[in-house]
Protein backbone atom coordinates (compact mmCIF):
# COMPACT_ATOMS: atom_id res chain seq x y z
CA MET A 1 0.00 0.00 0.00
CA THR A 2 1.44 3.36 -1.06
CA ASP A 3 1.39 6.48 1.10
CA ALA A 4 -1.30 7.92 -1.16
CA SER A 5 -3.58 4.88 -0.93
CA ARG A 6 -3.03 4.72 2.83
CA GLU A 7 -4.13 8.35 3.15
CA ARG A 8 -7.22 7.64 1.06
CA ALA A 9 -8.07 4.72 3.39
CA VAL A 10 -7.71 6.55 6.72
CA GLY A 11 -7.08 10.21 5.91
CA ARG A 12 -4.51 11.95 8.08
CA ARG A 13 -5.79 10.53 11.35
CA ARG A 14 -4.39 7.55 13.25
CA PRO A 15 -5.55 4.21 11.71
CA ARG A 16 -8.25 2.39 13.66
CA GLN A 17 -9.37 -1.20 13.89
CA SER A 18 -12.43 -0.27 11.80
CA ASP A 19 -10.06 0.74 8.98
CA ILE A 20 -8.29 -2.61 9.19
CA ALA A 21 -11.66 -4.40 9.11
CA ARG A 22 -12.69 -2.51 5.97
CA VAL A 23 -9.41 -3.17 4.14
CA ALA A 24 -9.28 -6.85 5.18
CA GLY A 25 -12.97 -7.47 4.54
CA VAL A 26 -13.74 -8.80 8.02
CA SER A 27 -15.68 -7.63 11.07
CA GLN A 28 -14.15 -5.24 13.58
CA ALA A 29 -14.69 -7.88 16.26
CA ALA A 30 -12.52 -10.32 14.29
CA VAL A 31 -9.81 -7.66 13.98
CA SER A 32 -9.84 -7.08 17.74
CA LEU A 33 -9.60 -10.79 18.51
CA ILE A 34 -6.73 -11.33 16.07
CA LEU A 35 -4.66 -8.30 17.09
CA ARG A 36 -5.03 -9.16 20.77
CA GLY A 37 -3.88 -12.72 20.09
CA THR A 38 -6.84 -14.24 21.92
CA PRO A 39 -7.61 -17.97 21.63
CA SER A 40 -10.74 -17.08 19.64
CA GLY A 41 -8.66 -14.98 17.27
CA MET A 42 -6.04 -17.68 16.85
CA ALA A 43 -8.84 -20.16 16.01
CA LEU A 44 -9.90 -18.16 12.94
CA ALA A 45 -8.70 -19.29 9.52
CA ARG A 46 -5.03 -18.70 8.92
CA GLU A 47 -5.80 -16.79 5.71
CA THR A 48 -8.15 -14.47 7.61
CA ARG A 49 -5.59 -13.81 10.34
CA GLN A 50 -2.86 -13.10 7.79
CA ARG A 51 -5.15 -10.75 5.85
CA VAL A 52 -5.85 -8.77 9.03
CA LEU A 53 -2.16 -8.63 10.03
CA ASP A 54 -1.15 -7.54 6.54
CA ALA A 55 -3.77 -4.78 6.56
CA ALA A 56 -2.62 -3.58 10.00
CA GLU A 57 0.97 -3.48 8.81
CA GLU A 58 0.12 -1.66 5.58
CA LEU A 59 -2.02 0.94 7.34
CA GLY A 60 0.64 1.52 10.00
CA TYR A 61 -1.77 0.61 12.78
CA VAL A 62 -0.42 1.19 16.30
CA PRO A 63 -2.59 0.22 19.30
CA ASP A 64 -3.27 2.95 21.82
CA PRO A 65 -1.24 1.83 24.90
CA VAL A 66 -3.69 3.48 27.32
CA ALA A 67 -6.74 1.92 25.69
CA THR A 68 -5.05 -1.45 25.56
CA ARG A 69 -4.26 -1.34 29.27
CA LEU A 70 -7.82 -0.27 30.15
CA ALA A 71 -9.33 -2.98 27.99
CA SER A 72 -7.20 -5.85 29.17
CA ALA A 73 -6.01 -4.69 32.61
CA ARG A 74 -3.16 -6.84 33.92
CA ASN A 75 -3.21 -10.59 33.76
CA ALA A 76 0.03 -11.36 35.69
CA MET A 77 1.48 -12.93 32.54
CA LEU A 78 4.94 -12.07 31.20
CA GLY A 79 6.18 -12.99 27.75
CA LEU A 80 9.58 -14.57 27.06
CA TYR A 81 10.74 -14.35 23.44
CA THR A 82 14.06 -15.64 22.12
CA PHE A 83 15.78 -14.56 18.93
CA SER A 84 17.98 -17.65 19.19
CA THR A 85 17.26 -20.41 16.66
CA THR A 86 16.36 -22.84 19.44
CA PHE A 87 14.80 -22.33 22.84
CA PRO A 88 17.42 -23.04 25.57
CA THR A 89 15.67 -25.92 27.34
CA ASP A 90 18.89 -28.01 27.43
CA VAL A 91 20.86 -27.35 30.63
CA ALA A 92 24.05 -27.35 28.55
CA HIS A 93 22.79 -24.42 26.45
CA SER A 94 24.60 -21.18 27.29
CA TYR A 95 21.27 -19.34 27.63
CA TYR A 96 19.72 -21.91 29.97
CA PRO A 97 20.68 -20.00 33.15
CA VAL A 98 18.76 -16.98 31.78
CA LEU A 99 15.65 -19.12 31.49
CA ALA A 100 16.16 -20.51 34.99
CA GLY A 101 16.60 -17.02 36.48
CA VAL A 102 13.52 -15.69 34.71
CA GLU A 103 11.40 -18.61 35.91
CA GLU A 104 12.63 -18.29 39.50
CA GLU A 105 11.92 -14.57 39.75
CA ALA A 106 8.59 -14.78 37.90
CA ALA A 107 7.43 -17.45 40.35
CA ALA A 108 8.64 -15.38 43.31
CA GLN A 109 6.68 -12.38 41.98
CA GLY A 110 3.49 -14.39 41.34
CA GLN A 111 3.77 -14.08 37.55
CA ASP A 112 3.08 -16.68 34.86
CA LEU A 113 5.24 -16.97 31.73
CA ILE A 114 4.26 -17.27 28.08
CA LEU A 115 7.06 -18.71 25.93
CA PHE A 116 7.20 -17.47 22.32
CA THR A 117 8.93 -19.05 19.28
CA GLY A 118 11.47 -21.68 20.40
CA SER A 119 11.61 -23.50 17.05
CA ALA A 120 14.20 -23.90 14.32
CA ARG A 121 12.28 -21.24 12.37
CA ALA A 122 12.53 -18.68 15.17
CA ALA A 123 15.19 -16.55 13.49
CA ALA A 124 13.17 -16.19 10.28
CA ARG A 125 9.94 -15.51 12.16
CA ALA A 126 11.63 -12.85 14.30
CA GLN A 127 11.97 -10.69 11.19
CA ASP A 128 8.18 -10.76 10.77
CA PRO A 129 6.62 -7.81 12.67
CA ALA A 130 3.45 -9.84 13.16
CA ALA A 131 5.39 -12.53 15.06
CA VAL A 132 6.80 -10.03 17.56
CA ARG A 133 3.46 -8.24 17.79
CA ARG A 134 1.91 -11.35 19.36
CA VAL A 135 3.76 -10.66 22.62
CA ARG A 136 1.10 -8.05 23.38
CA VAL A 137 -1.11 -10.78 24.83
CA ALA A 138 1.15 -10.49 27.91
CA ASP A 139 1.51 -7.53 30.29
CA GLY A 140 5.09 -7.12 29.09
CA CYS A 141 7.83 -9.20 27.49
CA LEU A 142 11.45 -10.25 27.97
CA PHE A 143 13.64 -10.68 24.88
CA PHE A 144 17.05 -12.28 24.44
CA GLY A 145 19.38 -13.60 21.73
CA ARG A 146 22.46 -12.11 20.03
CA HIS A 147 20.77 -10.72 16.91
CA VAL A 148 17.67 -8.56 17.11
CA PRO A 149 15.40 -7.36 14.26
CA GLU A 150 15.37 -3.57 14.65
CA GLU A 151 12.02 -2.69 13.08
CA PRO A 152 9.67 -4.78 15.30
CA ILE A 153 11.55 -3.66 18.42
CA ARG A 154 11.38 -0.03 17.32
CA ARG A 155 7.60 -0.39 17.00
CA LEU A 156 7.36 -1.67 20.57
CA VAL A 157 9.40 1.30 21.83
CA GLU A 158 7.20 3.76 19.96
CA ASP A 159 4.01 2.09 21.22
CA GLY A 160 5.13 2.24 24.84
CA PHE A 161 4.75 -1.53 25.29
CA PRO A 162 6.71 -2.66 28.39
CA PHE A 163 9.63 -4.92 27.51
CA VAL A 164 13.17 -5.60 28.66
CA TYR A 165 16.03 -7.03 26.62
CA ILE A 166 18.38 -9.44 28.40
CA GLY A 167 21.78 -8.30 27.19
CA ARG A 168 23.09 -4.83 26.33
CA ARG A 169 21.62 -3.17 23.27
CA ASP A 170 22.66 -0.10 21.26
CA GLU A 171 19.18 0.82 20.00
CA PRO A 172 17.76 4.04 21.56
CA GLY A 173 15.03 3.58 24.12
CA VAL A 174 15.50 -0.17 24.59
CA PRO A 175 15.51 -1.13 28.30
CA TYR A 176 18.02 -3.87 29.12
CA VAL A 177 19.82 -5.85 31.78
CA GLY A 178 23.24 -6.97 30.59
CA ALA A 179 26.71 -8.02 31.66
CA ASP A 180 29.48 -5.47 32.19
CA TYR A 181 31.96 -7.09 29.81
CA VAL A 182 34.38 -4.20 29.28
CA PRO A 183 36.00 -4.04 32.75
CA ALA A 184 35.80 -7.82 33.20
CA SER A 185 37.66 -8.43 29.92
CA ALA A 186 40.27 -5.78 30.73
CA GLN A 187 40.88 -7.46 34.09
CA VAL A 188 41.54 -10.81 32.40
CA VAL A 189 44.24 -9.22 30.24
CA ALA A 190 45.69 -7.54 33.32
CA ARG A 191 45.88 -10.93 35.03
CA LEU A 192 47.78 -12.43 32.09
CA VAL A 193 50.19 -9.50 32.06
CA ALA A 194 50.73 -9.85 35.81
CA ALA A 195 51.63 -13.52 35.21
CA GLY A 196 54.36 -12.39 32.81
CA HIS A 197 52.70 -12.60 29.38
CA ARG A 198 53.55 -9.93 26.82
CA LYS A 199 52.52 -11.65 23.59
CA ILE A 200 48.78 -12.23 23.79
CA ARG A 201 46.12 -12.85 21.14
CA TYR A 202 42.34 -12.49 21.33
CA LEU A 203 40.15 -14.92 19.39
CA ARG A 204 36.54 -13.85 18.77
CA GLU A 205 33.69 -14.65 16.40
CA HIS A 206 32.95 -12.58 13.29
CA ASP A 207 29.55 -11.12 14.17
CA GLN A 208 29.16 -7.70 15.72
CA ALA A 209 26.70 -8.40 18.53
CA PRO A 210 27.05 -5.85 21.39
CA ALA A 211 28.40 -8.54 23.74
CA SER A 212 31.22 -9.31 21.30
CA ALA A 213 31.97 -5.63 20.74
CA ASP A 214 32.13 -5.04 24.51
CA ARG A 215 34.50 -7.94 25.09
CA GLU A 216 36.83 -6.75 22.35
CA GLU A 217 36.75 -3.21 23.74
CA GLY A 218 37.72 -4.55 27.15
CA VAL A 219 40.58 -6.67 25.79
CA LEU A 220 41.99 -3.72 23.85
CA LYS A 221 41.60 -1.47 26.88
CA GLY A 222 43.50 -3.93 29.08
CA ALA A 223 46.25 -4.32 26.50
CA ARG A 224 46.71 -0.56 26.10
CA GLU A 225 46.79 -0.01 29.86
CA ALA A 226 49.54 -2.65 30.06
CA GLY A 227 51.52 -1.03 27.25
CA LEU A 228 51.08 -4.00 24.88
CA ASP A 229 51.21 -3.69 21.10
CA THR A 230 47.59 -4.10 19.92
CA ARG A 231 48.47 -4.63 16.25
CA GLY A 232 47.32 -8.12 15.28
CA LEU A 233 45.91 -8.67 18.76
CA VAL A 234 42.34 -9.45 17.63
CA ALA A 235 41.62 -12.39 15.34
CA PRO A 236 38.02 -13.06 14.16
CA THR A 237 37.19 -16.71 13.41
CA ASP A 238 34.42 -19.17 12.77
CA GLY A 239 36.61 -21.87 14.30
CA ALA A 240 37.59 -23.48 10.99
CA ASP A 241 40.95 -21.69 10.71
CA ALA A 242 42.00 -22.23 14.34
CA ASP A 243 44.87 -24.61 13.45
CA ALA A 244 46.46 -22.08 11.11
CA LEU A 245 46.00 -19.24 13.57
CA LEU A 246 47.46 -21.21 16.46
CA GLY A 247 50.46 -22.35 14.40
CA GLY A 248 51.23 -18.79 13.37
CA TRP A 249 50.92 -17.49 16.90
CA LEU A 250 53.27 -20.12 18.33
CA ALA A 251 55.82 -19.23 15.64
CA GLU A 252 55.54 -15.58 16.72
CA GLY A 253 56.18 -16.46 20.35
CA VAL A 254 52.61 -15.94 21.59
CA THR A 255 52.25 -17.40 25.10
CA ALA A 256 48.60 -16.68 25.95
CA VAL A 257 45.26 -16.64 24.12
CA VAL A 258 42.04 -15.01 25.29
CA VAL A 259 38.95 -16.45 23.61
CA GLU A 260 35.35 -15.29 23.41
CA GLN A 261 32.64 -17.73 24.44
CA THR A 262 29.19 -17.24 22.87
CA ASP A 263 25.99 -19.22 22.43
CA THR A 264 27.52 -20.89 19.35
CA GLY A 265 30.83 -21.67 21.07
CA ALA A 266 32.56 -21.66 17.65
CA ALA A 267 35.73 -19.78 18.64
CA LEU A 268 36.37 -21.76 21.82
CA ALA A 269 35.55 -25.11 20.23
CA GLY A 270 37.83 -24.40 17.27
CA LEU A 271 40.74 -23.31 19.45
CA GLY A 272 40.29 -26.17 21.89
CA ALA A 273 40.39 -28.71 19.06
CA ALA A 274 43.48 -27.04 17.57
CA VAL A 275 45.27 -27.07 20.93
CA GLY A 276 44.46 -30.75 21.32
CA ARG A 277 45.70 -31.65 17.84
CA ALA A 278 48.91 -29.73 18.47
CA GLY A 279 49.48 -31.74 21.65
CA LEU A 280 49.82 -28.62 23.77
CA ASP A 281 49.34 -28.47 27.52
CA CYS A 282 47.32 -25.64 29.08
CA PRO A 283 48.76 -23.74 30.87
CA GLY A 284 52.18 -25.37 30.55
CA ASP A 285 52.65 -24.60 26.86
CA LEU A 286 49.96 -21.99 26.40
CA SER A 287 47.85 -20.00 28.85
CA LEU A 288 44.19 -19.77 27.95
CA ALA A 289 41.47 -17.45 29.29
CA VAL A 290 37.76 -17.59 28.41
CA LEU A 291 35.34 -14.64 28.26
CA GLY A 292 33.10 -16.01 29.67
CA ALA A 293 30.84 -18.98 30.35
CA ALA A 294 27.60 -18.79 32.27
CA THR A 295 27.92 -19.64 35.95
CA GLY A 296 27.71 -23.38 36.50
CA THR A 297 28.44 -24.32 32.88
CA ARG A 298 32.20 -23.83 32.72
CA GLY A 299 34.22 -26.09 30.47
CA ARG A 300 37.68 -27.51 30.83
CA ALA A 301 40.88 -27.27 28.88
CA PRO A 302 41.49 -29.77 26.02
CA GLY A 303 42.06 -33.32 27.16
CA GLY A 304 39.90 -32.94 30.25
CA GLY A 305 42.42 -30.68 31.92
CA ALA A 306 41.97 -27.76 34.29
CA ALA A 307 38.86 -25.60 34.43
CA PHE A 308 39.10 -22.50 32.25
CA SER A 309 40.32 -19.26 33.80
CA GLY A 310 38.54 -16.03 32.96
CA PHE A 311 35.15 -14.85 34.16
CA ASP A 312 31.58 -16.04 34.49
CA VAL A 313 28.59 -14.20 33.02
CA PRO A 314 25.85 -13.61 35.64
CA MET A 315 23.13 -14.92 33.32
CA ARG A 316 20.90 -16.29 36.05
CA GLU A 317 20.90 -12.96 37.89
CA MET A 318 20.41 -11.13 34.59
CA GLY A 319 17.24 -13.15 34.08
CA ARG A 320 16.02 -12.41 37.58
CA ASP A 321 16.82 -8.69 37.40
CA ALA A 322 15.18 -8.42 33.98
CA VAL A 323 11.91 -9.71 35.48
CA ARG A 324 12.15 -7.14 38.28
CA LEU A 325 12.80 -4.32 35.82
CA LEU A 326 9.95 -5.44 33.57
CA LEU A 327 7.52 -5.39 36.47
CA GLU A 328 8.69 -1.88 37.37
CA LEU A 329 7.99 -0.75 33.80
CA ILE A 330 4.56 -2.39 33.77
CA ALA A 331 3.71 -0.68 37.04
CA GLY A 332 4.99 2.66 35.72
CA SER A 333 7.44 3.05 38.60
CA PRO A 334 9.08 6.49 38.33
CA GLY A 335 12.85 6.80 38.25
CA ALA A 336 13.58 3.15 37.40
CA ALA A 337 17.05 2.67 35.87
CA THR A 338 16.13 1.07 32.56
CA ARG A 339 19.66 0.22 31.40
CA ARG A 340 21.58 -1.97 33.84
CA LEU A 341 24.93 -3.76 33.61
CA LEU A 342 25.77 -6.44 36.17
CA PRO A 343 29.39 -7.26 37.12
CA CYS A 344 30.98 -10.47 35.85
CA GLU A 345 32.57 -12.80 38.40
CA PRO A 346 36.32 -13.51 37.99
CA VAL A 347 37.15 -17.23 37.86
CA GLU A 348 40.56 -18.44 38.99
CA GLY A 349 40.46 -21.67 37.00
CA GLY A 350 43.66 -23.45 36.13
CA THR A 351 44.60 -22.39 32.60
CA ILE A 352 46.70 -19.29 33.36
CA ALA A 353 50.30 -19.62 34.50
CA ALA A 354 53.60 -17.85 33.96
CA PRO A 355 54.94 -18.31 30.42
CA ARG A 356 57.47 -21.04 29.97
CA PRO A 357 60.96 -19.53 29.49
CA PRO A 358 62.32 -19.87 25.94
CA LYS A 359 64.69 -22.76 25.35
CA LYS A 360 68.38 -21.87 25.33
CA HIS A 361 70.36 -23.04 22.34
CA THR A 362 73.82 -24.40 23.05
């Protein structure tokens, strides 16, 4: 629908549900049921629902937040929507502690949870504004996952719908509870330097999620504060080239590697496999620090060795605090800090040691 045809349909006023009904060829009652995501609305024919959603999107329909609250009141139900390709129901999943923290705090606050997506098609569906719009059946919603579709989230911000993102975001107006990666990452580099390492490399994944950007910023900050040369310090990888990277680093005299840990685990898995194939001992031959596993899910060095040194991400507490913040937003609490970063917990582990002195040639 062009701007001209949209203006002919609704004039210059704000689009209403009656306009959607006229364009979609259905009753206004059907429009209300579908847009509110009620069981009755979801029971209507798929073609009818899609026609209504398409008309709402084309007309630029935005529900009145005040009217929506008055009509539905509060139902003590919070949404939980993941932009990950799978819902983290496996305890080994890096996001599982988030889910556990959310459930614990929701139960403590007398709230029920509605879980959205959680299928292999979640990433594709997340790009569909209609999919995100369905979270309005809840009083508010929690979102998490590394990659976020900007347009549907922008709509929620503009509409005043209460939501909180679990993880730091750059988008204006997005409330979040995240991990304070920058100082935690800088401290890991400082620890390596204190152990005697001067040639350090940082292995990270290619994507530019805020968590990855923050970790890299912290590593570079720590290196600069220690007077290290940052040229060639950062190496992006998908894990496939880890053998070549490791071989080159060892030839350069690198004695320590800091590696990013994400929900995919590609960088750490690739490096761990390369270290194992090279027959290296951690930390005897190479010190290794991980940024940073969720509390309670830490791995071990290749060959079943020592637990990784580095830091833990407070994902469980992030989930709990996100619920508390969301409830504050739903209640309209004045003065609530809507952007919060929680400290990461340093982990001693056993994969950092003083560098082995170079062999003397006789």
